[in-house]
C-alpha atoms as a PDB file:
ATOM      1  CA  UNK A   1      22.073  42.411 -53.966  1.00  0.00           C
ATOM      2  CA  UNK A   2      20.975  40.001 -51.235  1.00  0.00           C
ATOM      3  CA  UNK A   3      22.933  41.999 -48.656  1.00  0.00           C
ATOM      4  CA  UNK A   4      21.004  45.141 -49.590  1.00  0.00           C
ATOM      5  CA  UNK A   5      17.718  43.272 -49.351  1.00  0.00           C
ATOM      6  CA  UNK A   6      18.666  41.912 -45.925  1.00  0.00           C
ATOM      7  CA  UNK A   7      19.644  45.381 -44.709  1.00  0.00           C
ATOM      8  CA  UNK A   8      16.355  46.869 -45.902  1.00  0.00           C
ATOM      9  CA  UNK A   9      14.294  44.091 -44.330  1.00  0.00           C
ATOM     10  CA  UNK A  10      16.195  44.474 -41.057  1.00  0.00           C
ATOM     11  CA  UNK A  11      15.503  48.215 -41.072  1.00  0.00           C
ATOM     12  CA  UNK A  12      11.792  47.738 -41.853  1.00  0.00           C
ATOM     13  CA  UNK A  13      11.446  45.127 -39.115  1.00  0.00           C
ATOM     14  CA  UNK A  14      13.166  47.399 -36.591  1.00  0.00           C
ATOM     15  CA  UNK A  15      10.752  50.193 -37.419  1.00  0.00           C
ATOM     16  CA  UNK A  16       7.703  47.969 -37.256  1.00  0.00           C
ATOM     17  CA  UNK A  17       8.694  46.045 -34.125  1.00  0.00           C
ATOM     18  CA  UNK A  18      10.535  48.704 -32.089  1.00  0.00           C
ATOM     19  CA  UNK A  19      10.124  52.288 -33.264  1.00  0.00           C
ATOM     20  CA  UNK A  20       6.422  52.383 -34.182  1.00  0.00           C
ATOM     21  CA  UNK A  21       5.176  50.731 -30.963  1.00  0.00           C
ATOM     22  CA  UNK A  22       7.211  53.229 -28.928  1.00  0.00           C
ATOM     23  CA  UNK A  23       5.827  56.125 -30.964  1.00  0.00           C
ATOM     24  CA  UNK A  24       2.250  54.883 -30.551  1.00  0.00           C
ATOM     25  CA  UNK A  25       2.755  54.575 -26.777  1.00  0.00           C
ATOM     26  CA  UNK A  26       4.113  58.113 -26.414  1.00  0.00           C
ATOM     27  CA  UNK A  27       1.500  60.314 -24.806  1.00  0.00           C
ATOM     28  CA  UNK A  28       0.709  63.540 -26.587  1.00  0.00           C
ATOM     29  CA  UNK A  29       2.389  62.516 -29.835  1.00  0.00           C
ATOM     30  CA  UNK A  30       0.202  63.275 -32.838  1.00  0.00           C
ATOM     31  CA  UNK A  31       1.239  60.660 -35.381  1.00  0.00           C
ATOM     32  CA  UNK A  32      -0.758  62.284 -38.173  1.00  0.00           C
ATOM     33  CA  UNK A  33       1.000  65.604 -37.591  1.00  0.00           C
ATOM     34  CA  UNK A  34       4.351  63.825 -37.450  1.00  0.00           C
ATOM     35  CA  UNK A  35       3.566  62.094 -40.767  1.00  0.00           C
ATOM     36  CA  UNK A  36       2.761  65.462 -42.359  1.00  0.00           C
ATOM     37  CA  UNK A  37       6.009  66.957 -41.073  1.00  0.00           C
ATOM     38  CA  UNK A  38       8.033  64.015 -42.372  1.00  0.00           C
ATOM     39  CA  UNK A  39       6.343  64.217 -45.780  1.00  0.00           C
ATOM     40  CA  UNK A  40       7.039  67.959 -45.980  1.00  0.00           C
ATOM     41  CA  UNK A  41      10.689  67.398 -45.085  1.00  0.00           C
ATOM     42  CA  UNK A  42      10.977  64.597 -47.656  1.00  0.00           C
ATOM     43  CA  UNK A  43       9.561  66.884 -50.344  1.00  0.00           C
ATOM     44  CA  UNK A  44      11.997  69.625 -49.349  1.00  0.00           C
ATOM     45  CA  UNK A  45      14.957  67.262 -49.537  1.00  0.00           C
ATOM     46  CA  UNK A  46      13.852  65.785 -52.845  1.00  0.00           C
ATOM     47  CA  UNK A  47      13.569  69.265 -54.367  1.00  0.00           C
ATOM     48  CA  UNK A  48      16.991  70.233 -53.042  1.00  0.00           C
ATOM     49  CA  UNK A  49      18.637  67.137 -54.509  1.00  0.00           C
ATOM     50  CA  UNK A  50      16.678  66.898 -57.753  1.00  0.00           C
ATOM     51  CA  UNK A  51      18.724  66.066 -60.807  1.00  0.00           C
END
């Protein structure tokens, strides 16, 4: 279980420290629109794989 926790924390830290700063610095990128697109895709995937 600790290995899973470490993997998740590593992933979260990578996003926070590397991916998000790069996304914020990208000119012309609408983060709110991107968030809406990701949420829509998540919903689509969840419906497709619902039990």
